[in-house]
C-alpha cells in the first residue's frame, strides 16, 4: 500500500467496528463489504479511504462520523527523506568556509610580529621600543605637571576665598583631583584609540 502523509495508524476500535459491520452482512452493499474485507487486515489507511468508507457507511444506513471512525487511530507521518545535496554546492560551501577561516586567522594574528620569536632584536625594534618608552615618560611627566599646576593654581587662588590654610589646602587637593581624573580619562581614551579599540 502506498502510504502518504495523510494516513492513519488504525486503532482497535476501528477494527472492532469493521468486525461488527462484517457480522451484519445481509444489510451491507457489496461495495462496502469488499471495502471492509480489505480493511480488516490493514494497520494503516489513507485519509481518502477513511472518507470513502464513512460515505459508504452513511449510504447503507450507518450514521458514523469520521472522527468516531478514527477515534483511537493516530496520524501516520512517514519519515521525510531529505533530498541529496548538490556536490557542487557542497564544494562551494567548503571553499567559502575555508576562506572565512583564513580571514579570521589573519585578523586574529595581524598584530603578531614573526620576529618576536627570535632572541636577537633588530635595530628597528630597539628604536620602536625607545620611542614607546619615551612616549610613556612624556605622558606621565605631562600628567604630573598638570596635576601640580592645578594644585598650585587652586591653592593660590583660594586665598581670596578662604583665610585658613587648611581650607585652602583642601580646596587645592579637590581641584587637583578633578583635573587629575579628567587627565586620566583623556589618557585612557587616547590609549584605547592607539590600540584600535572602540
C-alpha atoms as a PDB file:
ATOM      1  CA  UNK A   1       0.000   0.000   0.000  1.00  0.00           C
ATOM      2  CA  UNK A   2       1.256   3.475  -0.873  1.00  0.00           C
ATOM      3  CA  UNK A   3       1.444   5.419   2.418  1.00  0.00           C
ATOM      4  CA  UNK A   4       1.090   9.183   2.198  1.00  0.00           C
ATOM      5  CA  UNK A   5       1.382  11.889   4.821  1.00  0.00           C
ATOM      6  CA  UNK A   6      -2.444  11.905   5.177  1.00  0.00           C
ATOM      7  CA  UNK A   7      -2.614   8.383   6.584  1.00  0.00           C
ATOM      8  CA  UNK A   8      -3.730   6.938   9.879  1.00  0.00           C
ATOM      9  CA  UNK A   9      -2.414   4.098  12.011  1.00  0.00           C
ATOM     10  CA  UNK A  10      -5.600   2.244  12.880  1.00  0.00           C
ATOM     11  CA  UNK A  11      -6.607   1.553  16.445  1.00  0.00           C
ATOM     12  CA  UNK A  12      -8.516  -1.354  18.000  1.00  0.00           C
ATOM     13  CA  UNK A  13     -11.876   0.446  17.955  1.00  0.00           C
ATOM     14  CA  UNK A  14     -11.717   0.811  14.179  1.00  0.00           C
ATOM     15  CA  UNK A  15     -11.110  -2.922  13.752  1.00  0.00           C
ATOM     16  CA  UNK A  16     -13.925  -3.684  16.236  1.00  0.00           C
ATOM     17  CA  UNK A  17     -16.338  -1.562  14.193  1.00  0.00           C
ATOM     18  CA  UNK A  18     -15.241  -3.282  10.986  1.00  0.00           C
ATOM     19  CA  UNK A  19     -15.816  -6.712  12.587  1.00  0.00           C
ATOM     20  CA  UNK A  20     -19.192  -5.588  13.877  1.00  0.00           C
ATOM     21  CA  UNK A  21     -20.250  -4.426  10.427  1.00  0.00           C
ATOM     22  CA  UNK A  22     -18.992  -7.646   8.773  1.00  0.00           C
ATOM     23  CA  UNK A  23     -21.270  -9.654  11.077  1.00  0.00           C
ATOM     24  CA  UNK A  24     -24.271  -7.808   9.581  1.00  0.00           C
ATOM     25  CA  UNK A  25     -23.519  -8.940   6.023  1.00  0.00           C
ATOM     26  CA  UNK A  26     -27.137  -9.046   4.918  1.00  0.00           C
ATOM     27  CA  UNK A  27     -27.779  -5.318   5.210  1.00  0.00           C
ATOM     28  CA  UNK A  28     -24.472  -4.184   3.657  1.00  0.00           C
ATOM     29  CA  UNK A  29     -23.936  -3.462  -0.018  1.00  0.00           C
ATOM     30  CA  UNK A  30     -21.355  -5.439  -1.990  1.00  0.00           C
ATOM     31  CA  UNK A  31     -19.039  -2.405  -2.366  1.00  0.00           C
ATOM     32  CA  UNK A  32     -18.971  -1.786   1.377  1.00  0.00           C
ATOM     33  CA  UNK A  33     -18.458  -5.483   2.085  1.00  0.00           C
ATOM     34  CA  UNK A  34     -15.412  -5.606  -0.229  1.00  0.00           C
ATOM     35  CA  UNK A  35     -14.020  -2.425   1.346  1.00  0.00           C
ATOM     36  CA  UNK A  36     -14.451  -3.773   4.881  1.00  0.00           C
ATOM     37  CA  UNK A  37     -12.805  -7.115   3.988  1.00  0.00           C
ATOM     38  CA  UNK A  38      -9.835  -5.233   2.535  1.00  0.00           C
ATOM     39  CA  UNK A  39      -9.501  -3.044   5.643  1.00  0.00           C
ATOM     40  CA  UNK A  40      -9.811  -5.945   8.085  1.00  0.00           C
ATOM     41  CA  UNK A  41      -6.091  -6.821   7.965  1.00  0.00           C
ATOM     42  CA  UNK A  42      -4.636  -3.349   7.350  1.00  0.00           C
ATOM     43  CA  UNK A  43      -2.979  -1.288  10.055  1.00  0.00           C
ATOM     44  CA  UNK A  44      -2.597   1.901   8.013  1.00  0.00           C
ATOM     45  CA  UNK A  45      -5.179   3.529   5.752  1.00  0.00           C
ATOM     46  CA  UNK A  46      -5.186   6.773   3.839  1.00  0.00           C
ATOM     47  CA  UNK A  47      -7.488   9.624   4.724  1.00  0.00           C
ATOM     48  CA  UNK A  48      -9.144   9.254   1.328  1.00  0.00           C
ATOM     49  CA  UNK A  49     -10.013   5.614   2.072  1.00  0.00           C
ATOM     50  CA  UNK A  50     -11.403   6.537   5.502  1.00  0.00           C
ATOM     51  CA  UNK A  51     -13.658   9.185   3.896  1.00  0.00           C
ATOM     52  CA  UNK A  52     -14.832   6.673   1.279  1.00  0.00           C
ATOM     53  CA  UNK A  53     -15.641   4.115   3.990  1.00  0.00           C
ATOM     54  CA  UNK A  54     -17.537   6.692   6.037  1.00  0.00           C
ATOM     55  CA  UNK A  55     -19.559   7.703   2.971  1.00  0.00           C
ATOM     56  CA  UNK A  56     -20.413   4.053   2.184  1.00  0.00           C
ATOM     57  CA  UNK A  57     -21.461   3.501   5.808  1.00  0.00           C
ATOM     58  CA  UNK A  58     -23.798   6.512   5.723  1.00  0.00           C
ATOM     59  CA  UNK A  59     -25.288   5.379   2.400  1.00  0.00           C
ATOM     60  CA  UNK A  60     -26.011   1.959   3.956  1.00  0.00           C
ATOM     61  CA  UNK A  61     -27.817   3.445   6.945  1.00  0.00           C
ATOM     62  CA  UNK A  62     -24.976   3.525   9.466  1.00  0.00           C
ATOM     63  CA  UNK A  63     -24.657   7.163  10.608  1.00  0.00           C
ATOM     64  CA  UNK A  64     -20.999   7.129  11.603  1.00  0.00           C
ATOM     65  CA  UNK A  65     -18.958  10.313  11.703  1.00  0.00           C
ATOM     66  CA  UNK A  66     -15.378  10.300  10.523  1.00  0.00           C
ATOM     67  CA  UNK A  67     -13.979  11.299  13.922  1.00  0.00           C
ATOM     68  CA  UNK A  68     -15.854   8.374  15.529  1.00  0.00           C
ATOM     69  CA  UNK A  69     -14.420   6.000  12.953  1.00  0.00           C
ATOM     70  CA  UNK A  70     -10.854   7.141  13.641  1.00  0.00           C
ATOM     71  CA  UNK A  71     -11.329   7.733  17.365  1.00  0.00           C
ATOM     72  CA  UNK A  72      -8.290   5.847  18.716  1.00  0.00           C
ATOM     73  CA  UNK A  73      -6.296   5.961  15.490  1.00  0.00           C
ATOM     74  CA  UNK A  74      -3.159   8.029  15.083  1.00  0.00           C
ATOM     75  CA  UNK A  75      -1.980  10.242  12.261  1.00  0.00           C
ATOM     76  CA  UNK A  76       0.847   8.480  10.459  1.00  0.00           C
ATOM     77  CA  UNK A  77       3.737  10.718   9.484  1.00  0.00           C
ATOM     78  CA  UNK A  78       6.284   8.917   7.323  1.00  0.00           C
ATOM     79  CA  UNK A  79       9.925   9.862   7.744  1.00  0.00           C
ATOM     80  CA  UNK A  80      10.858  12.624   5.359  1.00  0.00           C
ATOM     81  CA  UNK A  81      13.987  11.833   3.393  1.00  0.00           C
ATOM     82  CA  UNK A  82      15.939  14.987   2.622  1.00  0.00           C
ATOM     83  CA  UNK A  83      16.996  15.331  -0.993  1.00  0.00           C
ATOM     84  CA  UNK A  84      20.662  14.607  -1.691  1.00  0.00           C
ATOM     85  CA  UNK A  85      22.903  17.664  -1.576  1.00  0.00           C
ATOM     86  CA  UNK A  86      24.366  19.002  -4.761  1.00  0.00           C
ATOM     87  CA  UNK A  87      28.107  18.147  -4.803  1.00  0.00           C
ATOM     88  CA  UNK A  88      28.950  21.464  -6.492  1.00  0.00           C
ATOM     89  CA  UNK A  89      27.142  23.360  -3.751  1.00  0.00           C
ATOM     90  CA  UNK A  90      28.945  21.361  -1.064  1.00  0.00           C
ATOM     91  CA  UNK A  91      32.304  22.115  -2.705  1.00  0.00           C
ATOM     92  CA  UNK A  92      31.497  25.834  -2.897  1.00  0.00           C
ATOM     93  CA  UNK A  93      30.416  25.882   0.756  1.00  0.00           C
ATOM     94  CA  UNK A  94      33.666  24.195   1.791  1.00  0.00           C
ATOM     95  CA  UNK A  95      35.682  26.802  -0.161  1.00  0.00           C
ATOM     96  CA  UNK A  96      33.744  29.628   1.477  1.00  0.00           C
ATOM     97  CA  UNK A  97      34.245  28.110   4.945  1.00  0.00           C
ATOM     98  CA  UNK A  98      37.987  27.748   4.320  1.00  0.00           C
ATOM     99  CA  UNK A  99      38.209  31.333   3.048  1.00  0.00           C
ATOM    100  CA  UNK A 100      36.344  32.678   6.082  1.00  0.00           C
ATOM    101  CA  UNK A 101      38.530  30.637   8.437  1.00  0.00           C
ATOM    102  CA  UNK A 102      41.692  32.018   6.781  1.00  0.00           C
ATOM    103  CA  UNK A 103      40.389  35.588   7.023  1.00  0.00           C
ATOM    104  CA  UNK A 104      39.539  35.083  10.693  1.00  0.00           C
ATOM    105  CA  UNK A 105      43.012  33.644  11.338  1.00  0.00           C
ATOM    106  CA  UNK A 106      44.670  36.594   9.567  1.00  0.00           C
ATOM    107  CA  UNK A 107      42.532  39.040  11.541  1.00  0.00           C
ATOM    108  CA  UNK A 108      43.465  37.417  14.838  1.00  0.00           C
ATOM    109  CA  UNK A 109      47.173  37.197  14.049  1.00  0.00           C
ATOM    110  CA  UNK A 110      47.644  40.538  12.253  1.00  0.00           C
ATOM    111  CA  UNK A 111      49.375  42.133  15.291  1.00  0.00           C
ATOM    112  CA  UNK A 112      51.714  39.210  15.857  1.00  0.00           C
ATOM    113  CA  UNK A 113      55.295  40.011  14.890  1.00  0.00           C
ATOM    114  CA  UNK A 114      57.089  36.981  13.396  1.00  0.00           C
ATOM    115  CA  UNK A 115      60.459  38.370  14.550  1.00  0.00           C
ATOM    116  CA  UNK A 116      59.452  38.322  18.219  1.00  0.00           C
ATOM    117  CA  UNK A 117      60.251  34.626  18.454  1.00  0.00           C
ATOM    118  CA  UNK A 118      63.927  35.395  17.766  1.00  0.00           C
ATOM    119  CA  UNK A 119      66.035  36.345  20.761  1.00  0.00           C
ATOM    120  CA  UNK A 120      68.104  38.813  18.733  1.00  0.00           C
ATOM    121  CA  UNK A 121      66.186  42.045  18.050  1.00  0.00           C
ATOM    122  CA  UNK A 122      66.948  44.354  15.172  1.00  0.00           C
ATOM    123  CA  UNK A 123      67.878  48.000  15.483  1.00  0.00           C
ATOM    124  CA  UNK A 124      64.413  48.983  14.232  1.00  0.00           C
ATOM    125  CA  UNK A 125      62.814  47.006  17.069  1.00  0.00           C
ATOM    126  CA  UNK A 126      65.067  48.776  19.568  1.00  0.00           C
ATOM    127  CA  UNK A 127      64.131  52.173  18.093  1.00  0.00           C
ATOM    128  CA  UNK A 128      60.419  51.334  18.342  1.00  0.00           C
ATOM    129  CA  UNK A 129      60.799  50.351  21.982  1.00  0.00           C
ATOM    130  CA  UNK A 130      62.723  53.555  22.784  1.00  0.00           C
ATOM    131  CA  UNK A 131      60.016  55.663  21.138  1.00  0.00           C
ATOM    132  CA  UNK A 132      57.380  53.768  23.092  1.00  0.00           C
ATOM    133  CA  UNK A 133      59.164  54.290  26.400  1.00  0.00           C
ATOM    134  CA  UNK A 134      59.774  57.953  25.534  1.00  0.00           C
ATOM    135  CA  UNK A 135      56.047  58.456  24.831  1.00  0.00           C
ATOM    136  CA  UNK A 136      55.118  56.881  28.180  1.00  0.00           C
ATOM    137  CA  UNK A 137      57.651  59.034  30.082  1.00  0.00           C
ATOM    138  CA  UNK A 138      56.395  62.212  28.388  1.00  0.00           C
ATOM    139  CA  UNK A 139      52.780  61.273  29.130  1.00  0.00           C
ATOM    140  CA  UNK A 140      53.494  60.612  32.834  1.00  0.00           C
ATOM    141  CA  UNK A 141      55.525  63.830  33.124  1.00  0.00           C
ATOM    142  CA  UNK A 142      52.714  65.790  31.448  1.00  0.00           C
ATOM    143  CA  UNK A 143      50.191  64.261  33.854  1.00  0.00           C
ATOM    144  CA  UNK A 144      52.278  65.174  36.929  1.00  0.00           C
ATOM    145  CA  UNK A 145      52.911  68.750  35.728  1.00  0.00           C
ATOM    146  CA  UNK A 146      49.202  69.250  35.036  1.00  0.00           C
ATOM    147  CA  UNK A 147      48.143  67.980  38.482  1.00  0.00           C
ATOM    148  CA  UNK A 148      50.814  70.031  40.314  1.00  0.00           C
ATOM    149  CA  UNK A 149      49.903  73.149  38.350  1.00  0.00           C
ATOM    150  CA  UNK A 150      46.204  72.644  39.130  1.00  0.00           C
ATOM    151  CA  UNK A 151      47.059  72.267  42.829  1.00  0.00           C
ATOM    152  CA  UNK A 152      49.211  75.422  42.812  1.00  0.00           C
ATOM    153  CA  UNK A 153      46.608  77.497  40.983  1.00  0.00           C
ATOM    154  CA  UNK A 154      43.827  76.354  43.290  1.00  0.00           C
ATOM    155  CA  UNK A 155      45.965  76.967  46.395  1.00  0.00           C
ATOM    156  CA  UNK A 156      46.987  80.465  45.338  1.00  0.00           C
ATOM    157  CA  UNK A 157      43.547  81.354  44.003  1.00  0.00           C
ATOM    158  CA  UNK A 158      41.728  80.161  47.134  1.00  0.00           C
ATOM    159  CA  UNK A 159      43.483  82.801  49.294  1.00  0.00           C
ATOM    160  CA  UNK A 160      40.825  85.249  48.134  1.00  0.00           C
ATOM    161  CA  UNK A 161      38.045  82.971  49.363  1.00  0.00           C
ATOM    162  CA  UNK A 162      39.458  81.192  52.441  1.00  0.00           C
ATOM    163  CA  UNK A 163      41.608  82.681  55.194  1.00  0.00           C
ATOM    164  CA  UNK A 164      42.597  79.408  56.836  1.00  0.00           C
ATOM    165  CA  UNK A 165      45.404  77.319  55.350  1.00  0.00           C
ATOM    166  CA  UNK A 166      43.535  74.050  55.929  1.00  0.00           C
ATOM    167  CA  UNK A 167      40.597  75.144  53.791  1.00  0.00           C
ATOM    168  CA  UNK A 168      42.962  76.356  51.062  1.00  0.00           C
ATOM    169  CA  UNK A 169      44.826  73.009  51.014  1.00  0.00           C
ATOM    170  CA  UNK A 170      41.566  71.000  50.890  1.00  0.00           C
ATOM    171  CA  UNK A 171      40.199  73.103  48.027  1.00  0.00           C
ATOM    172  CA  UNK A 172      43.517  72.764  46.146  1.00  0.00           C
ATOM    173  CA  UNK A 173      43.513  68.955  46.646  1.00  0.00           C
ATOM    174  CA  UNK A 174      39.921  68.741  45.345  1.00  0.00           C
ATOM    175  CA  UNK A 175      40.767  70.846  42.285  1.00  0.00           C
ATOM    176  CA  UNK A 176      43.930  68.813  41.591  1.00  0.00           C
ATOM    177  CA  UNK A 177      41.962  65.562  41.956  1.00  0.00           C
ATOM    178  CA  UNK A 178      39.314  66.683  39.486  1.00  0.00           C
ATOM    179  CA  UNK A 179      41.939  67.763  36.973  1.00  0.00           C
ATOM    180  CA  UNK A 180      43.899  64.519  37.538  1.00  0.00           C
ATOM    181  CA  UNK A 181      40.795  62.367  36.934  1.00  0.00           C
ATOM    182  CA  UNK A 182      39.962  64.304  33.771  1.00  0.00           C
ATOM    183  CA  UNK A 183      43.543  63.881  32.565  1.00  0.00           C
ATOM    184  CA  UNK A 184      43.411  60.131  33.304  1.00  0.00           C
ATOM    185  CA  UNK A 185      40.150  59.820  31.365  1.00  0.00           C
ATOM    186  CA  UNK A 186      41.654  61.540  28.326  1.00  0.00           C
ATOM    187  CA  UNK A 187      44.803  59.416  28.641  1.00  0.00           C
ATOM    188  CA  UNK A 188      42.837  56.149  28.760  1.00  0.00           C
ATOM    189  CA  UNK A 189      40.683  57.129  25.769  1.00  0.00           C
ATOM    190  CA  UNK A 190      43.799  58.046  23.794  1.00  0.00           C
ATOM    191  CA  UNK A 191      45.468  54.718  24.624  1.00  0.00           C
ATOM    192  CA  UNK A 192      42.346  52.822  23.568  1.00  0.00           C
ATOM    193  CA  UNK A 193      42.398  54.701  20.243  1.00  0.00           C
ATOM    194  CA  UNK A 194      46.066  53.757  19.735  1.00  0.00           C
ATOM    195  CA  UNK A 195      45.266  50.099  20.336  1.00  0.00           C
ATOM    196  CA  UNK A 196      42.464  50.159  17.777  1.00  0.00           C
ATOM    197  CA  UNK A 197      39.643  49.509  20.222  1.00  0.00           C
ATOM    198  CA  UNK A 198      36.394  51.495  20.019  1.00  0.00           C
END
